[in-house]
Amino acid sequence: MTDFSNSMLSLAMILSSIFAIVGVMYGLLKYRDATVKLPVDREQLARIPAYGLQQQIQDLQMDLIGSMLMGAMIVSLPFAVSSLKAHITVGQFPWISVTTGLMGLAYCGFKTWKNFSKLTKLRLGHTAEIATANELIGLQALGYQVFHDVQADGFNIDHLVVGKNGVFAIETKGRHKRNKDLLQTNGNGSSSGKKGYQVFYKDGRLNFPSWTETKPIEQAERQSKWVSQWLTKATGSPVAATPVLVFPGWYVTCQTKPSLPIVNHKQLVSTIPTLRTQALSQQQVDSIIYQVAQRCLSKSEIRY
């Protein structure tokens, strides 16, 4: 082989490893976009404080990481090409190095898939909580105090609402809308012609178009119980927190009476004021607000 051919072969071997990881990422993105979508449109949500700055910070962080990786690649690429070219020229193919590289490439591909899956879930959860938080702004206009991401014992309360008609521990659950569920099937197996983004509650179970869940209900009840015990101890007076389960972007229908309110995020402002779990005096409300505010200022104990 000519000197030029050896150089091109060496460069192609190095670049192929980079394109392999990029290909994995591209395939995962295409598969995600083809099968699921977020329950709410992120672009239509009201902007949170410093949202524009947050986006700029994230973009600059990615640019910095990209610049560092590009610098490392520019410095090391000529040496890697020269090394491979020397092996190819003398006819001694570096099998050990190539085998080790392929094993490392497979590991990087696996980590890319795993981290992408986690990132997809975090993106879903973040979007759902922001959608719920945007709707809860309407309750503040009605005199309620709203707290977000309240740290508990090893977990967090997504949203905590305090008003004269009680304390409400809101658990937000983000669920992707699957493209295959565009048409919803009713219990008789016939298409209803409606978009398949409706969840039915019946006999303690949440029935989505393609799957069934019970854990969100158990989690919401368990967390509201913790809130009740904590605030009762902290304030010195009985507090009975009400669990509320929210599925942003989904139509919620209850075929049997649930043990707790299960709503769409758009229903929160109209639902919370109608709940009469516990009548609280202004003094009790102030005491509860003080305790929650103090906890929100404390260091997070959640381990990710």
C-alpha atoms as a PDB file:
ATOM      1  CA  MET A   1       0.000   0.000   0.000  1.00  0.00           C
ATOM      2  CA  THR A   2       1.132   3.558  -0.685  1.00  0.00           C
ATOM      3  CA  ASP A   3       2.016   6.005   2.045  1.00  0.00           C
ATOM      4  CA  PHE A   4      -1.148   7.982   1.296  1.00  0.00           C
ATOM      5  CA  SER A   5      -3.319   4.856   1.460  1.00  0.00           C
ATOM      6  CA  ASN A   6      -1.822   3.876   4.798  1.00  0.00           C
ATOM      7  CA  SER A   7      -2.533   7.355   6.169  1.00  0.00           C
ATOM      8  CA  MET A   8      -6.141   7.294   4.946  1.00  0.00           C
ATOM      9  CA  LEU A   9      -6.717   3.822   6.401  1.00  0.00           C
ATOM     10  CA  SER A  10      -5.320   4.890   9.753  1.00  0.00           C
ATOM     11  CA  LEU A  11      -7.470   8.027   9.806  1.00  0.00           C
ATOM     12  CA  ALA A  12     -10.569   6.047   8.790  1.00  0.00           C
ATOM     13  CA  MET A  13     -10.044   3.575  11.662  1.00  0.00           C
ATOM     14  CA  ILE A  14      -9.819   6.390  14.205  1.00  0.00           C
ATOM     15  CA  LEU A  15     -12.770   8.367  12.866  1.00  0.00           C
ATOM     16  CA  SER A  16     -14.926   5.238  12.667  1.00  0.00           C
ATOM     17  CA  SER A  17     -14.843   4.946  16.467  1.00  0.00           C
ATOM     18  CA  ILE A  18     -16.132   8.515  16.800  1.00  0.00           C
ATOM     19  CA  PHE A  19     -18.867   7.981  14.232  1.00  0.00           C
ATOM     20  CA  ALA A  20     -19.881   4.746  15.965  1.00  0.00           C
ATOM     21  CA  ILE A  21     -20.800   6.591  19.189  1.00  0.00           C
ATOM     22  CA  VAL A  22     -22.452   9.392  17.220  1.00  0.00           C
ATOM     23  CA  GLY A  23     -24.419   6.743  15.313  1.00  0.00           C
ATOM     24  CA  VAL A  24     -25.647   5.165  18.554  1.00  0.00           C
ATOM     25  CA  MET A  25     -26.794   8.563  19.816  1.00  0.00           C
ATOM     26  CA  TYR A  26     -28.477   9.403  16.524  1.00  0.00           C
ATOM     27  CA  GLY A  27     -30.271   6.054  16.452  1.00  0.00           C
ATOM     28  CA  LEU A  28     -31.545   6.519  20.006  1.00  0.00           C
ATOM     29  CA  LEU A  29     -32.828  10.000  19.192  1.00  0.00           C
ATOM     30  CA  LYS A  30     -34.606   8.812  16.047  1.00  0.00           C
ATOM     31  CA  TYR A  31     -36.171   5.871  17.897  1.00  0.00           C
ATOM     32  CA  ARG A  32     -37.377   8.093  20.745  1.00  0.00           C
ATOM     33  CA  ASP A  33     -38.900  10.643  18.397  1.00  0.00           C
ATOM     34  CA  ALA A  34     -40.577   7.911  16.362  1.00  0.00           C
ATOM     35  CA  THR A  35     -42.165   6.134  19.333  1.00  0.00           C
ATOM     36  CA  VAL A  36     -42.948   8.665  22.073  1.00  0.00           C
ATOM     37  CA  LYS A  37     -43.418  12.373  22.705  1.00  0.00           C
ATOM     38  CA  LEU A  38     -43.640  14.596  25.748  1.00  0.00           C
ATOM     39  CA  PRO A  39     -47.108  14.913  27.330  1.00  0.00           C
ATOM     40  CA  VAL A  40     -47.010  18.717  27.098  1.00  0.00           C
ATOM     41  CA  ASP A  41     -45.364  21.113  24.672  1.00  0.00           C
ATOM     42  CA  ARG A  42     -42.346  22.625  26.424  1.00  0.00           C
ATOM     43  CA  GLU A  43     -42.426  25.674  24.163  1.00  0.00           C
ATOM     44  CA  GLN A  44     -45.957  26.563  25.284  1.00  0.00           C
ATOM     45  CA  LEU A  45     -45.156  26.580  29.007  1.00  0.00           C
ATOM     46  CA  ALA A  46     -44.824  29.893  30.795  1.00  0.00           C
ATOM     47  CA  ARG A  47     -41.201  30.812  31.374  1.00  0.00           C
ATOM     48  CA  ILE A  48     -39.858  30.278  34.878  1.00  0.00           C
ATOM     49  CA  PRO A  49     -37.576  32.952  36.450  1.00  0.00           C
ATOM     50  CA  ALA A  50     -34.150  33.124  34.763  1.00  0.00           C
ATOM     51  CA  TYR A  51     -35.250  30.601  32.130  1.00  0.00           C
ATOM     52  CA  GLY A  52     -33.360  32.443  29.375  1.00  0.00           C
ATOM     53  CA  LEU A  53     -30.182  32.596  31.479  1.00  0.00           C
ATOM     54  CA  GLN A  54     -30.521  28.905  32.325  1.00  0.00           C
ATOM     55  CA  GLN A  55     -30.660  28.039  28.626  1.00  0.00           C
ATOM     56  CA  GLN A  56     -27.620  30.201  27.892  1.00  0.00           C
ATOM     57  CA  ILE A  57     -25.673  28.578  30.741  1.00  0.00           C
ATOM     58  CA  GLN A  58     -26.506  25.083  29.477  1.00  0.00           C
ATOM     59  CA  ASP A  59     -25.530  25.988  25.921  1.00  0.00           C
ATOM     60  CA  LEU A  60     -22.217  27.455  27.070  1.00  0.00           C
ATOM     61  CA  GLN A  61     -21.501  24.389  29.216  1.00  0.00           C
ATOM     62  CA  MET A  62     -21.995  22.164  26.193  1.00  0.00           C
ATOM     63  CA  ASP A  63     -19.766  24.472  24.124  1.00  0.00           C
ATOM     64  CA  LEU A  64     -17.022  24.285  26.764  1.00  0.00           C
ATOM     65  CA  ILE A  65     -17.167  20.483  26.895  1.00  0.00           C
ATOM     66  CA  GLY A  66     -17.127  20.330  23.098  1.00  0.00           C
ATOM     67  CA  SER A  67     -14.131  22.678  22.929  1.00  0.00           C
ATOM     68  CA  MET A  68     -12.170  20.599  25.436  1.00  0.00           C
ATOM     69  CA  LEU A  69     -12.916  17.354  23.605  1.00  0.00           C
ATOM     70  CA  MET A  70     -12.049  18.948  20.270  1.00  0.00           C
ATOM     71  CA  GLY A  71      -8.747  20.209  21.674  1.00  0.00           C
ATOM     72  CA  ALA A  72      -7.846  16.779  23.026  1.00  0.00           C
ATOM     73  CA  MET A  73      -8.722  15.141  19.711  1.00  0.00           C
ATOM     74  CA  ILE A  74      -6.734  17.655  17.645  1.00  0.00           C
ATOM     75  CA  VAL A  75      -3.618  17.079  19.776  1.00  0.00           C
ATOM     76  CA  SER A  76      -3.850  13.278  19.911  1.00  0.00           C
ATOM     77  CA  LEU A  77      -5.125  12.572  16.378  1.00  0.00           C
ATOM     78  CA  PRO A  78      -1.764  13.064  14.540  1.00  0.00           C
ATOM     79  CA  PHE A  79       0.028  10.759  16.992  1.00  0.00           C
ATOM     80  CA  ALA A  80      -2.695   8.113  16.705  1.00  0.00           C
ATOM     81  CA  VAL A  81      -2.604   8.241  12.906  1.00  0.00           C
ATOM     82  CA  SER A  82       1.205   7.984  12.864  1.00  0.00           C
ATOM     83  CA  SER A  83       1.151   5.006  15.220  1.00  0.00           C
ATOM     84  CA  LEU A  84      -1.444   3.092  13.195  1.00  0.00           C
ATOM     85  CA  LYS A  85       0.299   3.995   9.940  1.00  0.00           C
ATOM     86  CA  ALA A  86       3.617   2.619  11.256  1.00  0.00           C
ATOM     87  CA  HIS A  87       2.001  -0.694  12.208  1.00  0.00           C
ATOM     88  CA  ILE A  88       0.252  -1.031   8.859  1.00  0.00           C
ATOM     89  CA  THR A  89       3.432  -0.158   6.918  1.00  0.00           C
ATOM     90  CA  VAL A  90       5.504  -2.898   8.541  1.00  0.00           C
ATOM     91  CA  GLY A  91       2.621  -5.352   8.277  1.00  0.00           C
ATOM     92  CA  GLN A  92       2.163  -5.782  12.011  1.00  0.00           C
ATOM     93  CA  PHE A  93      -1.471  -5.084  12.696  1.00  0.00           C
ATOM     94  CA  PRO A  94      -1.982  -4.058  16.358  1.00  0.00           C
ATOM     95  CA  TRP A  95      -4.600  -6.664  17.225  1.00  0.00           C
ATOM     96  CA  ILE A  96      -4.253  -6.189  20.979  1.00  0.00           C
ATOM     97  CA  SER A  97      -4.770  -2.436  20.747  1.00  0.00           C
ATOM     98  CA  VAL A  98      -7.647  -2.821  18.331  1.00  0.00           C
ATOM     99  CA  THR A  99      -9.334  -5.462  20.513  1.00  0.00           C
ATOM    100  CA  THR A 100      -8.949  -3.261  23.581  1.00  0.00           C
ATOM    101  CA  GLY A 101     -10.294  -0.304  21.624  1.00  0.00           C
ATOM    102  CA  LEU A 102     -13.319  -2.259  20.440  1.00  0.00           C
ATOM    103  CA  MET A 103     -14.066  -3.357  24.001  1.00  0.00           C
ATOM    104  CA  GLY A 104     -13.817   0.245  25.154  1.00  0.00           C
ATOM    105  CA  LEU A 105     -16.016   1.353  22.258  1.00  0.00           C
ATOM    106  CA  ALA A 106     -18.655  -1.225  23.198  1.00  0.00           C
ATOM    107  CA  TYR A 107     -18.583  -0.015  26.805  1.00  0.00           C
ATOM    108  CA  CYS A 108     -18.923   3.615  25.699  1.00  0.00           C
ATOM    109  CA  GLY A 109     -21.841   2.641  23.483  1.00  0.00           C
ATOM    110  CA  PHE A 110     -23.539   0.904  26.414  1.00  0.00           C
ATOM    111  CA  LYS A 111     -22.953   3.910  28.688  1.00  0.00           C
ATOM    112  CA  THR A 112     -24.334   6.197  25.988  1.00  0.00           C
ATOM    113  CA  TRP A 113     -27.513   4.121  25.775  1.00  0.00           C
ATOM    114  CA  LYS A 114     -27.868   3.953  29.560  1.00  0.00           C
ATOM    115  CA  ASN A 115     -27.290   7.666  30.111  1.00  0.00           C
ATOM    116  CA  PHE A 116     -29.583   8.560  27.229  1.00  0.00           C
ATOM    117  CA  SER A 117     -32.375   6.486  28.786  1.00  0.00           C
ATOM    118  CA  LYS A 118     -31.854   8.238  32.114  1.00  0.00           C
ATOM    119  CA  LEU A 119     -31.727  11.639  30.419  1.00  0.00           C
ATOM    120  CA  THR A 120     -35.003  10.910  28.616  1.00  0.00           C
ATOM    121  CA  LYS A 121     -36.710  10.108  31.925  1.00  0.00           C
ATOM    122  CA  LEU A 122     -35.283  13.189  33.626  1.00  0.00           C
ATOM    123  CA  ARG A 123     -36.379  15.365  30.699  1.00  0.00           C
ATOM    124  CA  LEU A 124     -39.881  13.917  30.975  1.00  0.00           C
ATOM    125  CA  GLY A 125     -40.058  14.453  34.738  1.00  0.00           C
ATOM    126  CA  HIS A 126     -38.694  17.994  34.465  1.00  0.00           C
ATOM    127  CA  THR A 127     -41.238  18.940  31.807  1.00  0.00           C
ATOM    128  CA  ALA A 128     -44.118  17.480  33.849  1.00  0.00           C
ATOM    129  CA  GLU A 129     -43.111  19.306  37.033  1.00  0.00           C
ATOM    130  CA  ILE A 130     -42.650  22.619  35.232  1.00  0.00           C
ATOM    131  CA  ALA A 131     -46.115  22.218  33.663  1.00  0.00           C
ATOM    132  CA  THR A 132     -47.646  21.587  37.093  1.00  0.00           C
ATOM    133  CA  ALA A 133     -45.736  24.485  38.672  1.00  0.00           C
ATOM    134  CA  ASN A 134     -47.007  26.826  35.962  1.00  0.00           C
ATOM    135  CA  GLU A 135     -50.610  25.924  36.754  1.00  0.00           C
ATOM    136  CA  LEU A 136     -50.074  26.291  40.503  1.00  0.00           C
ATOM    137  CA  ILE A 137     -49.308  29.969  39.969  1.00  0.00           C
ATOM    138  CA  GLY A 138     -53.069  30.384  39.640  1.00  0.00           C
ATOM    139  CA  LEU A 139     -53.528  29.151  43.229  1.00  0.00           C
ATOM    140  CA  GLN A 140     -51.189  31.815  44.562  1.00  0.00           C
ATOM    141  CA  ALA A 141     -53.576  34.426  43.200  1.00  0.00           C
ATOM    142  CA  LEU A 142     -56.267  32.792  45.367  1.00  0.00           C
ATOM    143  CA  GLY A 143     -54.208  33.151  48.546  1.00  0.00           C
ATOM    144  CA  TYR A 144     -52.510  29.750  48.660  1.00  0.00           C
ATOM    145  CA  GLN A 145     -48.834  29.285  49.449  1.00  0.00           C
ATOM    146  CA  VAL A 146     -47.064  26.980  46.999  1.00  0.00           C
ATOM    147  CA  PHE A 147     -43.728  25.245  47.607  1.00  0.00           C
ATOM    148  CA  HIS A 148     -41.779  23.108  45.155  1.00  0.00           C
ATOM    149  CA  ASP A 149     -39.331  20.236  45.594  1.00  0.00           C
ATOM    150  CA  VAL A 150     -39.696  19.987  49.368  1.00  0.00           C
ATOM    151  CA  GLN A 151     -36.990  17.687  50.715  1.00  0.00           C
ATOM    152  CA  ALA A 152     -38.176  14.786  52.842  1.00  0.00           C
ATOM    153  CA  ASP A 153     -36.386  11.772  54.349  1.00  0.00           C
ATOM    154  CA  GLY A 154     -34.636  10.376  51.275  1.00  0.00           C
ATOM    155  CA  PHE A 155     -37.239  11.587  48.792  1.00  0.00           C
ATOM    156  CA  ASN A 156     -38.929  14.829  47.797  1.00  0.00           C
ATOM    157  CA  ILE A 157     -42.432  16.240  47.631  1.00  0.00           C
ATOM    158  CA  ASP A 158     -42.885  17.664  44.139  1.00  0.00           C
ATOM    159  CA  HIS A 159     -45.286  20.430  45.223  1.00  0.00           C
ATOM    160  CA  LEU A 160     -46.819  21.370  48.556  1.00  0.00           C
ATOM    161  CA  VAL A 161     -49.840  23.688  48.654  1.00  0.00           C
ATOM    162  CA  VAL A 162     -51.021  25.291  51.888  1.00  0.00           C
ATOM    163  CA  GLY A 163     -54.355  27.048  52.302  1.00  0.00           C
ATOM    164  CA  LYS A 164     -57.183  27.466  54.779  1.00  0.00           C
ATOM    165  CA  ASN A 165     -58.900  24.360  53.394  1.00  0.00           C
ATOM    166  CA  GLY A 166     -55.900  22.131  54.068  1.00  0.00           C
ATOM    167  CA  VAL A 167     -52.445  21.009  53.060  1.00  0.00           C
ATOM    168  CA  PHE A 168     -52.030  19.254  49.705  1.00  0.00           C
ATOM    169  CA  ALA A 169     -49.054  17.072  48.809  1.00  0.00           C
ATOM    170  CA  ILE A 170     -48.986  16.991  45.021  1.00  0.00           C
ATOM    171  CA  GLU A 171     -47.163  14.201  43.231  1.00  0.00           C
ATOM    172  CA  THR A 172     -46.535  14.860  39.544  1.00  0.00           C
ATOM    173  CA  LYS A 173     -45.997  11.944  37.183  1.00  0.00           C
ATOM    174  CA  GLY A 174     -44.731  12.433  33.657  1.00  0.00           C
ATOM    175  CA  ARG A 175     -45.732   9.762  31.180  1.00  0.00           C
ATOM    176  CA  HIS A 176     -44.739   9.779  27.533  1.00  0.00           C
ATOM    177  CA  LYS A 177     -47.460   9.742  24.934  1.00  0.00           C
ATOM    178  CA  ARG A 178     -46.780   6.785  22.672  1.00  0.00           C
ATOM    179  CA  ASN A 179     -47.354   7.315  18.985  1.00  0.00           C
ATOM    180  CA  LYS A 180     -48.918   3.862  18.654  1.00  0.00           C
ATOM    181  CA  ASP A 181     -51.684   4.993  21.011  1.00  0.00           C
ATOM    182  CA  LEU A 182     -53.007   7.717  18.711  1.00  0.00           C
ATOM    183  CA  LEU A 183     -56.286   5.814  18.624  1.00  0.00           C
ATOM    184  CA  GLN A 184     -57.654   4.769  21.961  1.00  0.00           C
ATOM    185  CA  THR A 185     -59.383   1.422  22.416  1.00  0.00           C
ATOM    186  CA  ASN A 186     -62.260   1.123  24.837  1.00  0.00           C
ATOM    187  CA  GLY A 187     -63.135  -1.875  26.948  1.00  0.00           C
ATOM    188  CA  ASN A 188     -64.993  -3.592  24.119  1.00  0.00           C
ATOM    189  CA  GLY A 189     -61.917  -3.542  21.908  1.00  0.00           C
ATOM    190  CA  SER A 190     -63.306  -1.096  19.374  1.00  0.00           C
ATOM    191  CA  SER A 191     -61.651   2.202  18.490  1.00  0.00           C
ATOM    192  CA  SER A 192     -63.283   5.195  20.081  1.00  0.00           C
ATOM    193  CA  GLY A 193     -61.766   7.520  17.504  1.00  0.00           C
ATOM    194  CA  LYS A 194     -60.305   9.749  20.223  1.00  0.00           C
ATOM    195  CA  LYS A 195     -56.648  10.362  20.750  1.00  0.00           C
ATOM    196  CA  GLY A 196     -55.176   7.658  22.917  1.00  0.00           C
ATOM    197  CA  TYR A 197     -53.860   9.994  25.564  1.00  0.00           C
ATOM    198  CA  GLN A 198     -56.444   9.203  28.208  1.00  0.00           C
ATOM    199  CA  VAL A 199     -55.866   7.430  31.506  1.00  0.00           C
ATOM    200  CA  PHE A 200     -58.755   5.654  33.241  1.00  0.00           C
ATOM    201  CA  TYR A 201     -58.828   5.061  36.982  1.00  0.00           C
ATOM    202  CA  LYS A 202     -60.773   1.991  38.067  1.00  0.00           C
ATOM    203  CA  ASP A 203     -60.622  -0.087  41.257  1.00  0.00           C
ATOM    204  CA  GLY A 204     -57.240   1.177  42.403  1.00  0.00           C
ATOM    205  CA  ARG A 205     -55.538   0.915  39.027  1.00  0.00           C
ATOM    206  CA  LEU A 206     -54.442   3.495  36.482  1.00  0.00           C
ATOM    207  CA  ASN A 207     -55.202   2.189  33.022  1.00  0.00           C
ATOM    208  CA  PHE A 208     -53.161   3.828  30.277  1.00  0.00           C
ATOM    209  CA  PRO A 209     -53.704   2.882  26.608  1.00  0.00           C
ATOM    210  CA  SER A 210     -50.814   0.389  26.612  1.00  0.00           C
ATOM    211  CA  TRP A 211     -50.071  -0.339  30.262  1.00  0.00           C
ATOM    212  CA  THR A 212     -51.439  -0.321  33.821  1.00  0.00           C
ATOM    213  CA  GLU A 213     -49.979   1.162  37.014  1.00  0.00           C
ATOM    214  CA  THR A 214     -50.705   1.231  40.734  1.00  0.00           C
ATOM    215  CA  LYS A 215     -47.453   2.523  42.265  1.00  0.00           C
ATOM    216  CA  PRO A 216     -48.099   6.259  41.676  1.00  0.00           C
ATOM    217  CA  ILE A 217     -51.216   6.063  43.863  1.00  0.00           C
ATOM    218  CA  GLU A 218     -49.337   4.245  46.613  1.00  0.00           C
ATOM    219  CA  GLN A 219     -46.468   6.736  46.409  1.00  0.00           C
ATOM    220  CA  ALA A 220     -48.741   9.787  46.617  1.00  0.00           C
ATOM    221  CA  GLU A 221     -50.546   8.361  49.666  1.00  0.00           C
ATOM    222  CA  ARG A 222     -47.293   7.377  51.354  1.00  0.00           C
ATOM    223  CA  GLN A 223     -45.764  10.812  50.859  1.00  0.00           C
ATOM    224  CA  SER A 224     -48.850  12.663  52.098  1.00  0.00           C
ATOM    225  CA  LYS A 225     -48.764  10.478  55.205  1.00  0.00           C
ATOM    226  CA  TRP A 226     -45.159  11.540  55.796  1.00  0.00           C
ATOM    227  CA  VAL A 227     -46.141  15.207  55.367  1.00  0.00           C
ATOM    228  CA  SER A 228     -48.974  14.782  57.877  1.00  0.00           C
ATOM    229  CA  GLN A 229     -46.700  13.203  60.477  1.00  0.00           C
ATOM    230  CA  TRP A 230     -43.922  15.748  59.959  1.00  0.00           C
ATOM    231  CA  LEU A 231     -46.149  18.847  60.128  1.00  0.00           C
ATOM    232  CA  THR A 232     -48.110  17.482  63.078  1.00  0.00           C
ATOM    233  CA  LYS A 233     -44.880  17.051  65.006  1.00  0.00           C
ATOM    234  CA  ALA A 234     -43.354  20.319  63.780  1.00  0.00           C
ATOM    235  CA  THR A 235     -46.369  22.553  64.462  1.00  0.00           C
ATOM    236  CA  GLY A 236     -47.715  20.819  67.558  1.00  0.00           C
ATOM    237  CA  SER A 237     -51.229  20.556  66.127  1.00  0.00           C
ATOM    238  CA  PRO A 238     -52.849  17.814  63.984  1.00  0.00           C
ATOM    239  CA  VAL A 239     -52.280  18.216  60.251  1.00  0.00           C
ATOM    240  CA  ALA A 240     -53.891  15.894  57.705  1.00  0.00           C
ATOM    241  CA  ALA A 241     -52.265  16.395  54.319  1.00  0.00           C
ATOM    242  CA  THR A 242     -54.251  15.427  51.243  1.00  0.00           C
ATOM    243  CA  PRO A 243     -52.477  13.530  48.444  1.00  0.00           C
ATOM    244  CA  VAL A 244     -53.079  14.759  44.895  1.00  0.00           C
ATOM    245  CA  LEU A 245     -51.834  12.860  41.845  1.00  0.00           C
ATOM    246  CA  VAL A 246     -51.236  14.827  38.639  1.00  0.00           C
ATOM    247  CA  PHE A 247     -50.625  13.564  35.098  1.00  0.00           C
ATOM    248  CA  PRO A 248     -49.761  16.596  32.938  1.00  0.00           C
ATOM    249  CA  GLY A 249     -50.992  16.380  29.371  1.00  0.00           C
ATOM    250  CA  TRP A 250     -53.259  13.362  29.932  1.00  0.00           C
ATOM    251  CA  TYR A 251     -57.051  13.274  30.009  1.00  0.00           C
ATOM    252  CA  VAL A 252     -58.026  11.704  33.343  1.00  0.00           C
ATOM    253  CA  THR A 253     -61.289   9.798  33.748  1.00  0.00           C
ATOM    254  CA  CYS A 254     -62.336   8.080  36.985  1.00  0.00           C
ATOM    255  CA  GLN A 255     -64.672   5.148  36.408  1.00  0.00           C
ATOM    256  CA  THR A 256     -64.775   4.383  40.142  1.00  0.00           C
ATOM    257  CA  LYS A 257     -64.229   6.786  43.028  1.00  0.00           C
ATOM    258  CA  PRO A 258     -60.507   7.091  43.806  1.00  0.00           C
ATOM    259  CA  SER A 259     -59.064   7.421  47.285  1.00  0.00           C
ATOM    260  CA  LEU A 260     -57.367  10.681  46.273  1.00  0.00           C
ATOM    261  CA  PRO A 261     -57.830  13.344  43.578  1.00  0.00           C
ATOM    262  CA  ILE A 262     -56.283  12.263  40.248  1.00  0.00           C
ATOM    263  CA  VAL A 263     -56.253  15.139  37.792  1.00  0.00           C
ATOM    264  CA  ASN A 264     -54.721  16.737  34.739  1.00  0.00           C
ATOM    265  CA  HIS A 265     -52.446  19.697  35.528  1.00  0.00           C
ATOM    266  CA  LYS A 266     -55.007  22.062  33.981  1.00  0.00           C
ATOM    267  CA  GLN A 267     -57.572  20.959  36.613  1.00  0.00           C
ATOM    268  CA  LEU A 268     -55.520  21.908  39.675  1.00  0.00           C
ATOM    269  CA  VAL A 269     -56.754  25.480  40.084  1.00  0.00           C
ATOM    270  CA  SER A 270     -60.386  24.397  39.925  1.00  0.00           C
ATOM    271  CA  THR A 271     -59.933  21.257  42.057  1.00  0.00           C
ATOM    272  CA  ILE A 272     -57.813  22.314  45.066  1.00  0.00           C
ATOM    273  CA  PRO A 273     -60.212  25.036  46.365  1.00  0.00           C
ATOM    274  CA  THR A 274     -63.117  22.544  46.324  1.00  0.00           C
ATOM    275  CA  LEU A 275     -61.368  20.048  48.614  1.00  0.00           C
ATOM    276  CA  ARG A 276     -62.376  20.308  52.255  1.00  0.00           C
ATOM    277  CA  THR A 277     -59.970  17.961  54.016  1.00  0.00           C
ATOM    278  CA  GLN A 278     -59.188  20.146  57.010  1.00  0.00           C
ATOM    279  CA  ALA A 279     -60.261  23.628  58.045  1.00  0.00           C
ATOM    280  CA  LEU A 280     -57.221  25.592  59.210  1.00  0.00           C
ATOM    281  CA  SER A 281     -57.093  28.872  61.069  1.00  0.00           C
ATOM    282  CA  GLN A 282     -54.799  31.631  59.839  1.00  0.00           C
ATOM    283  CA  GLN A 283     -52.503  30.944  62.780  1.00  0.00           C
ATOM    284  CA  GLN A 284     -52.233  27.266  61.787  1.00  0.00           C
ATOM    285  CA  VAL A 285     -51.606  28.226  58.168  1.00  0.00           C
ATOM    286  CA  ASP A 286     -48.825  30.612  59.181  1.00  0.00           C
ATOM    287  CA  SER A 287     -47.251  27.975  61.405  1.00  0.00           C
ATOM    288  CA  ILE A 288     -47.311  25.375  58.613  1.00  0.00           C
ATOM    289  CA  ILE A 289     -45.896  27.839  56.087  1.00  0.00           C
ATOM    290  CA  TYR A 290     -43.055  28.701  58.452  1.00  0.00           C
ATOM    291  CA  GLN A 291     -42.108  25.040  58.945  1.00  0.00           C
ATOM    292  CA  VAL A 292     -42.227  24.272  55.214  1.00  0.00           C
ATOM    293  CA  ALA A 293     -40.198  27.371  54.369  1.00  0.00           C
ATOM    294  CA  GLN A 294     -37.537  26.413  56.905  1.00  0.00           C
ATOM    295  CA  ARG A 295     -37.283  22.935  55.444  1.00  0.00           C
ATOM    296  CA  CYS A 296     -36.992  24.313  51.918  1.00  0.00           C
ATOM    297  CA  LEU A 297     -33.977  26.337  53.069  1.00  0.00           C
ATOM    298  CA  SER A 298     -32.223  23.293  54.532  1.00  0.00           C
ATOM    299  CA  LYS A 299     -29.652  21.256  52.644  1.00  0.00           C
ATOM    300  CA  SER A 300     -31.019  18.495  50.418  1.00  0.00           C
ATOM    301  CA  GLU A 301     -30.581  15.006  51.818  1.00  0.00           C
ATOM    302  CA  ILE A 302     -31.710  13.219  48.663  1.00  0.00           C
ATOM    303  CA  ARG A 303     -29.176  10.815  47.172  1.00  0.00           C
ATOM    304  CA  TYR A 304     -29.416  10.364  43.416  1.00  0.00           C
END
